[in-house]
Amino acid sequence: MTCQTCGSREMHEPLTPDEKAWLRGQLGNPIGDNYYKCVNRLSDEKICRNLRTHGHEKHFRDTKRLPDKLE
């Protein structure tokens, strides 16, 4: 999968249960298991964390990233 944010072709990982709960709260509706996060390490040593679905590189109108730390 490619990432629309960082442009990498790195592997994307499925969301953890906490990440799914965060996304469900952001979207306001149930989500399936087809959401993935980019795990490419950026030049500033942060992880990209851009979200997408398996079949769509740009699933959201605006870029949606997981926060660095979930509260």
PDB file of N, CA and C in Angstrom:
ATOM      1  N   MET A   1       0.835  -1.180   0.000  1.00  0.00           N
ATOM      2  CA  MET A   1       0.000   0.000   0.000  1.00  0.00           C
ATOM      3  C   MET A   1       0.882   1.247   0.000  1.00  0.00           C
ATOM      4  N   THR A   2       0.421   2.263  -0.666  1.00  0.00           N
ATOM      5  CA  THR A   2       1.142   3.535  -0.629  1.00  0.00           C
ATOM      6  C   THR A   2       0.451   4.492   0.337  1.00  0.00           C
ATOM      7  N   CYS A   3       1.213   5.480   0.792  1.00  0.00           N
ATOM      8  CA  CYS A   3       0.693   6.460   1.744  1.00  0.00           C
ATOM      9  C   CYS A   3       0.551   7.802   1.049  1.00  0.00           C
ATOM     10  N   GLN A   4      -0.633   8.406   1.117  1.00  0.00           N
ATOM     11  CA  GLN A   4      -0.860   9.708   0.481  1.00  0.00           C
ATOM     12  C   GLN A   4      -0.119  10.822   1.205  1.00  0.00           C
ATOM     13  N   THR A   5       0.238  10.636   2.461  1.00  0.00           N
ATOM     14  CA  THR A   5       0.891  11.684   3.236  1.00  0.00           C
ATOM     15  C   THR A   5       2.400  11.696   3.041  1.00  0.00           C
ATOM     16  N   CYS A   6       3.056  10.571   3.288  1.00  0.00           N
ATOM     17  CA  CYS A   6       4.521  10.554   3.213  1.00  0.00           C
ATOM     18  C   CYS A   6       5.031   9.964   1.903  1.00  0.00           C
ATOM     19  N   GLY A   7       4.148   9.370   1.110  1.00  0.00           N
ATOM     20  CA  GLY A   7       4.525   8.846  -0.191  1.00  0.00           C
ATOM     21  C   GLY A   7       5.262   7.518  -0.158  1.00  0.00           C
ATOM     22  N   SER A   8       5.387   6.917   1.004  1.00  0.00           N
ATOM     23  CA  SER A   8       6.131   5.660   1.096  1.00  0.00           C
ATOM     24  C   SER A   8       5.282   4.493   0.600  1.00  0.00           C
ATOM     25  N   ARG A   9       5.954   3.415   0.325  1.00  0.00           N
ATOM     26  CA  ARG A   9       5.289   2.166  -0.025  1.00  0.00           C
ATOM     27  C   ARG A   9       5.532   1.151   1.087  1.00  0.00           C
ATOM     28  N   GLU A  10       5.687   1.664   2.304  1.00  0.00           N
ATOM     29  CA  GLU A  10       5.919   0.811   3.467  1.00  0.00           C
ATOM     30  C   GLU A  10       4.652   0.026   3.801  1.00  0.00           C
ATOM     31  N   MET A  11       4.854  -1.032   4.552  1.00  0.00           N
ATOM     32  CA  MET A  11       3.715  -1.808   5.022  1.00  0.00           C
ATOM     33  C   MET A  11       2.853  -0.947   5.942  1.00  0.00           C
ATOM     34  N   HIS A  12       1.566  -1.142   5.870  1.00  0.00           N
ATOM     35  CA  HIS A  12       0.625  -0.506   6.779  1.00  0.00           C
ATOM     36  C   HIS A  12       0.156  -1.584   7.754  1.00  0.00           C
ATOM     37  N   GLU A  13      -0.136  -1.191   8.969  1.00  0.00           N
ATOM     38  CA  GLU A  13      -0.570  -2.145   9.990  1.00  0.00           C
ATOM     39  C   GLU A  13      -2.031  -1.908  10.348  1.00  0.00           C
ATOM     40  N   PRO A  14      -2.740  -2.982  10.725  1.00  0.00           N
ATOM     41  CA  PRO A  14      -4.115  -2.810  11.204  1.00  0.00           C
ATOM     42  C   PRO A  14      -4.114  -2.003  12.501  1.00  0.00           C
ATOM     43  N   LEU A  15      -5.242  -1.391  12.803  1.00  0.00           N
ATOM     44  CA  LEU A  15      -5.359  -0.591  14.018  1.00  0.00           C
ATOM     45  C   LEU A  15      -5.492  -1.479  15.250  1.00  0.00           C
ATOM     46  N   THR A  16      -4.955  -1.007  16.358  1.00  0.00           N
ATOM     47  CA  THR A  16      -5.127  -1.686  17.639  1.00  0.00           C
ATOM     48  C   THR A  16      -6.542  -1.392  18.145  1.00  0.00           C
ATOM     49  N   PRO A  17      -7.017  -2.116  19.145  1.00  0.00           N
ATOM     50  CA  PRO A  17      -8.348  -1.816  19.693  1.00  0.00           C
ATOM     51  C   PRO A  17      -8.482  -0.368  20.183  1.00  0.00           C
ATOM     52  N   ASP A  18      -7.458   0.182  20.829  1.00  0.00           N
ATOM     53  CA  ASP A  18      -7.521   1.580  21.291  1.00  0.00           C
ATOM     54  C   ASP A  18      -7.585   2.547  20.112  1.00  0.00           C
ATOM     55  N   GLU A  19      -6.841   2.264  19.061  1.00  0.00           N
ATOM     56  CA  GLU A  19      -6.862   3.121  17.871  1.00  0.00           C
ATOM     57  C   GLU A  19      -8.214   3.047  17.168  1.00  0.00           C
ATOM     58  N   LYS A  20      -8.804   1.845  17.129  1.00  0.00           N
ATOM     59  CA  LYS A  20     -10.144   1.697  16.545  1.00  0.00           C
ATOM     60  C   LYS A  20     -11.166   2.497  17.339  1.00  0.00           C
ATOM     61  N   ALA A  21     -11.052   2.456  18.662  1.00  0.00           N
ATOM     62  CA  ALA A  21     -11.982   3.206  19.510  1.00  0.00           C
ATOM     63  C   ALA A  21     -11.837   4.704  19.252  1.00  0.00           C
ATOM     64  N   TRP A  22     -10.605   5.185  19.105  1.00  0.00           N
ATOM     65  CA  TRP A  22     -10.380   6.607  18.817  1.00  0.00           C
ATOM     66  C   TRP A  22     -11.016   6.981  17.480  1.00  0.00           C
ATOM     67  N   LEU A  23     -10.787   6.165  16.440  1.00  0.00           N
ATOM     68  CA  LEU A  23     -11.332   6.460  15.117  1.00  0.00           C
ATOM     69  C   LEU A  23     -12.856   6.400  15.123  1.00  0.00           C
ATOM     70  N   ARG A  24     -13.413   5.420  15.821  1.00  0.00           N
ATOM     71  CA  ARG A  24     -14.872   5.315  15.934  1.00  0.00           C
ATOM     72  C   ARG A  24     -15.433   6.596  16.562  1.00  0.00           C
ATOM     73  N   GLY A  25     -14.753   7.136  17.587  1.00  0.00           N
ATOM     74  CA  GLY A  25     -15.181   8.383  18.210  1.00  0.00           C
ATOM     75  C   GLY A  25     -15.068   9.571  17.268  1.00  0.00           C
ATOM     76  N   GLN A  26     -14.050   9.595  16.419  1.00  0.00           N
ATOM     77  CA  GLN A  26     -13.863  10.679  15.460  1.00  0.00           C
ATOM     78  C   GLN A  26     -14.925  10.647  14.366  1.00  0.00           C
ATOM     79  N   LEU A  27     -15.249   9.442  13.903  1.00  0.00           N
ATOM     80  CA  LEU A  27     -16.188   9.303  12.792  1.00  0.00           C
ATOM     81  C   LEU A  27     -17.640   9.274  13.253  1.00  0.00           C
ATOM     82  N   GLY A  28     -17.867   8.852  14.495  1.00  0.00           N
ATOM     83  CA  GLY A  28     -19.225   8.804  15.020  1.00  0.00           C
ATOM     84  C   GLY A  28     -20.046   7.632  14.521  1.00  0.00           C
ATOM     85  N   ASN A  29     -19.390   6.633  13.979  1.00  0.00           N
ATOM     86  CA  ASN A  29     -20.110   5.446  13.528  1.00  0.00           C
ATOM     87  C   ASN A  29     -19.202   4.227  13.651  1.00  0.00           C
ATOM     88  N   PRO A  30     -19.779   3.021  13.626  1.00  0.00           N
ATOM     89  CA  PRO A  30     -18.964   1.815  13.732  1.00  0.00           C
ATOM     90  C   PRO A  30     -17.973   1.720  12.571  1.00  0.00           C
ATOM     91  N   ILE A  31     -16.826   1.126  12.843  1.00  0.00           N
ATOM     92  CA  ILE A  31     -15.837   0.924  11.784  1.00  0.00           C
ATOM     93  C   ILE A  31     -15.514  -0.557  11.686  1.00  0.00           C
ATOM     94  N   GLY A  32     -15.129  -0.990  10.514  1.00  0.00           N
ATOM     95  CA  GLY A  32     -14.762  -2.382  10.300  1.00  0.00           C
ATOM     96  C   GLY A  32     -13.282  -2.608  10.554  1.00  0.00           C
ATOM     97  N   ASP A  33     -12.816  -3.744  10.105  1.00  0.00           N
ATOM     98  CA  ASP A  33     -11.408  -4.100  10.282  1.00  0.00           C
ATOM     99  C   ASP A  33     -10.563  -3.730   9.072  1.00  0.00           C
ATOM    100  N   ASN A  34     -11.060  -2.867   8.196  1.00  0.00           N
ATOM    101  CA  ASN A  34     -10.312  -2.569   6.975  1.00  0.00           C
ATOM    102  C   ASN A  34      -9.560  -1.238   7.037  1.00  0.00           C
ATOM    103  N   TYR A  35      -9.357  -0.684   8.244  1.00  0.00           N
ATOM    104  CA  TYR A  35      -8.569   0.542   8.392  1.00  0.00           C
ATOM    105  C   TYR A  35      -7.140   0.183   8.770  1.00  0.00           C
ATOM    106  N   TYR A  36      -6.200   0.900   8.174  1.00  0.00           N
ATOM    107  CA  TYR A  36      -4.777   0.645   8.391  1.00  0.00           C
ATOM    108  C   TYR A  36      -4.052   1.953   8.653  1.00  0.00           C
ATOM    109  N   LYS A  37      -2.909   1.864   9.335  1.00  0.00           N
ATOM    110  CA  LYS A  37      -2.079   3.041   9.613  1.00  0.00           C
ATOM    111  C   LYS A  37      -0.715   2.860   8.957  1.00  0.00           C
ATOM    112  N   CYS A  38      -0.164   3.959   8.449  1.00  0.00           N
ATOM    113  CA  CYS A  38       1.177   3.940   7.874  1.00  0.00           C
ATOM    114  C   CYS A  38       2.176   3.925   9.028  1.00  0.00           C
ATOM    115  N   VAL A  39       3.151   3.045   8.961  1.00  0.00           N
ATOM    116  CA  VAL A  39       4.153   2.940  10.025  1.00  0.00           C
ATOM    117  C   VAL A  39       5.538   3.357   9.533  1.00  0.00           C
ATOM    118  N   ASN A  40       5.582   4.151   8.465  1.00  0.00           N
ATOM    119  CA  ASN A  40       6.858   4.640   7.944  1.00  0.00           C
ATOM    120  C   ASN A  40       7.480   5.630   8.929  1.00  0.00           C
ATOM    121  N   ARG A  41       8.782   5.469   9.169  1.00  0.00           N
ATOM    122  CA  ARG A  41       9.507   6.401  10.042  1.00  0.00           C
ATOM    123  C   ARG A  41       9.931   7.599   9.212  1.00  0.00           C
ATOM    124  N   LEU A  42       9.525   8.794   9.655  1.00  0.00           N
ATOM    125  CA  LEU A  42       9.824  10.032   8.944  1.00  0.00           C
ATOM    126  C   LEU A  42      11.202  10.558   9.340  1.00  0.00           C
ATOM    127  N   SER A  43      11.664  11.598   8.654  1.00  0.00           N
ATOM    128  CA  SER A  43      13.005  12.131   8.904  1.00  0.00           C
ATOM    129  C   SER A  43      13.169  12.684  10.319  1.00  0.00           C
ATOM    130  N   ASP A  44      12.082  13.121  10.945  1.00  0.00           N
ATOM    131  CA  ASP A  44      12.175  13.638  12.316  1.00  0.00           C
ATOM    132  C   ASP A  44      11.990  12.529  13.355  1.00  0.00           C
ATOM    133  N   GLU A  45      12.087  11.269  12.905  1.00  0.00           N
ATOM    134  CA  GLU A  45      11.986  10.076  13.749  1.00  0.00           C
ATOM    135  C   GLU A  45      10.574   9.793  14.251  1.00  0.00           C
ATOM    136  N   LYS A  46       9.582  10.549  13.812  1.00  0.00           N
ATOM    137  CA  LYS A  46       8.195  10.240  14.150  1.00  0.00           C
ATOM    138  C   LYS A  46       7.670   9.207  13.158  1.00  0.00           C
ATOM    139  N   ILE A  47       6.590   8.557  13.534  1.00  0.00           N
ATOM    140  CA  ILE A  47       5.918   7.603  12.657  1.00  0.00           C
ATOM    141  C   ILE A  47       4.804   8.356  11.933  1.00  0.00           C
ATOM    142  N   CYS A  48       4.611   8.096  10.643  1.00  0.00           N
ATOM    143  CA  CYS A  48       3.629   8.819   9.835  1.00  0.00           C
ATOM    144  C   CYS A  48       2.217   8.727  10.429  1.00  0.00           C
ATOM    145  N   ARG A  49       1.695   7.528  10.651  1.00  0.00           N
ATOM    146  CA  ARG A  49       0.394   7.262  11.269  1.00  0.00           C
ATOM    147  C   ARG A  49      -0.807   7.736  10.451  1.00  0.00           C
ATOM    148  N   ASN A  50      -0.635   7.945   9.153  1.00  0.00           N
ATOM    149  CA  ASN A  50      -1.757   8.295   8.285  1.00  0.00           C
ATOM    150  C   ASN A  50      -2.710   7.101   8.190  1.00  0.00           C
ATOM    151  N   LEU A  51      -3.999   7.379   8.125  1.00  0.00           N
ATOM    152  CA  LEU A  51      -5.011   6.322   8.051  1.00  0.00           C
ATOM    153  C   LEU A  51      -5.533   6.161   6.634  1.00  0.00           C
ATOM    154  N   ARG A  52      -5.843   4.935   6.292  1.00  0.00           N
ATOM    155  CA  ARG A  52      -6.456   4.613   5.004  1.00  0.00           C
ATOM    156  C   ARG A  52      -7.203   3.294   5.150  1.00  0.00           C
ATOM    157  N   THR A  53      -7.972   2.951   4.132  1.00  0.00           N
ATOM    158  CA  THR A  53      -8.583   1.627   4.104  1.00  0.00           C
ATOM    159  C   THR A  53      -7.793   0.774   3.124  1.00  0.00           C
ATOM    160  N   HIS A  54      -8.056  -0.519   3.141  1.00  0.00           N
ATOM    161  CA  HIS A  54      -7.290  -1.423   2.285  1.00  0.00           C
ATOM    162  C   HIS A  54      -7.438  -1.071   0.814  1.00  0.00           C
ATOM    163  N   GLY A  55      -8.625  -0.739   0.393  1.00  0.00           N
ATOM    164  CA  GLY A  55      -8.866  -0.510  -1.027  1.00  0.00           C
ATOM    165  C   GLY A  55      -8.726   0.919  -1.507  1.00  0.00           C
ATOM    166  N   HIS A  56      -8.523   1.871  -0.596  1.00  0.00           N
ATOM    167  CA  HIS A  56      -8.486   3.284  -0.986  1.00  0.00           C
ATOM    168  C   HIS A  56      -7.295   3.993  -0.355  1.00  0.00           C
ATOM    169  N   GLU A  57      -6.406   4.508  -1.204  1.00  0.00           N
ATOM    170  CA  GLU A  57      -5.260   5.262  -0.684  1.00  0.00           C
ATOM    171  C   GLU A  57      -5.733   6.529   0.015  1.00  0.00           C
ATOM    172  N   LYS A  58      -6.722   7.204  -0.572  1.00  0.00           N
ATOM    173  CA  LYS A  58      -7.253   8.434   0.025  1.00  0.00           C
ATOM    174  C   LYS A  58      -8.714   8.192   0.386  1.00  0.00           C
ATOM    175  N   HIS A  59      -8.927   7.604   1.550  1.00  0.00           N
ATOM    176  CA  HIS A  59     -10.280   7.263   1.977  1.00  0.00           C
ATOM    177  C   HIS A  59     -11.025   8.490   2.502  1.00  0.00           C
ATOM    178  N   PHE A  60     -10.319   9.379   3.195  1.00  0.00           N
ATOM    179  CA  PHE A  60     -10.936  10.555   3.800  1.00  0.00           C
ATOM    180  C   PHE A  60     -10.724  11.774   2.912  1.00  0.00           C
ATOM    181  N   ARG A  61     -11.677  12.707   2.923  1.00  0.00           N
ATOM    182  CA  ARG A  61     -11.546  13.940   2.135  1.00  0.00           C
ATOM    183  C   ARG A  61     -10.289  14.697   2.547  1.00  0.00           C
ATOM    184  N   ASP A  62     -10.109  14.886   3.848  1.00  0.00           N
ATOM    185  CA  ASP A  62      -8.902  15.515   4.387  1.00  0.00           C
ATOM    186  C   ASP A  62      -8.044  14.428   5.021  1.00  0.00           C
ATOM    187  N   THR A  63      -6.755  14.644   5.045  1.00  0.00           N
ATOM    188  CA  THR A  63      -5.849  13.672   5.650  1.00  0.00           C
ATOM    189  C   THR A  63      -6.250  13.431   7.096  1.00  0.00           C
ATOM    190  N   LYS A  64      -6.298  12.172   7.489  1.00  0.00           N
ATOM    191  CA  LYS A  64      -6.621  11.818   8.872  1.00  0.00           C
ATOM    192  C   LYS A  64      -5.491  10.949   9.398  1.00  0.00           C
ATOM    193  N   ARG A  65      -4.871  11.436  10.479  1.00  0.00           N
ATOM    194  CA  ARG A  65      -3.772  10.718  11.106  1.00  0.00           C
ATOM    195  C   ARG A  65      -4.144  10.378  12.541  1.00  0.00           C
ATOM    196  N   LEU A  66      -3.603   9.268  13.018  1.00  0.00           N
ATOM    197  CA  LEU A  66      -3.739   8.951  14.432  1.00  0.00           C
ATOM    198  C   LEU A  66      -2.884   9.930  15.223  1.00  0.00           C
ATOM    199  N   PRO A  67      -3.331  10.348  16.397  1.00  0.00           N
ATOM    200  CA  PRO A  67      -2.473  11.200  17.225  1.00  0.00           C
ATOM    201  C   PRO A  67      -1.258  10.404  17.698  1.00  0.00           C
ATOM    202  N   ASP A  68      -0.170  11.112  18.008  1.00  0.00           N
ATOM    203  CA  ASP A  68       1.038  10.425  18.475  1.00  0.00           C
ATOM    204  C   ASP A  68       0.775   9.662  19.764  1.00  0.00           C
ATOM    205  N   LYS A  69      -0.058  10.226  20.620  1.00  0.00           N
ATOM    206  CA  LYS A  69      -0.429   9.546  21.867  1.00  0.00           C
ATOM    207  C   LYS A  69      -1.938   9.608  22.017  1.00  0.00           C
ATOM    208  N   LEU A  70      -2.531   8.453  22.223  1.00  0.00           N
ATOM    209  CA  LEU A  70      -3.975   8.402  22.453  1.00  0.00           C
ATOM    210  C   LEU A  70      -4.251   8.613  23.928  1.00  0.00           C
ATOM    211  N   GLU A  71      -5.246   9.423  24.233  1.00  0.00           N
ATOM    212  CA  GLU A  71      -5.592   9.682  25.640  1.00  0.00           C
ATOM    213  C   GLU A  71      -6.793   8.882  26.037  1.00  0.00           C
TER     214      GLU A  71
END
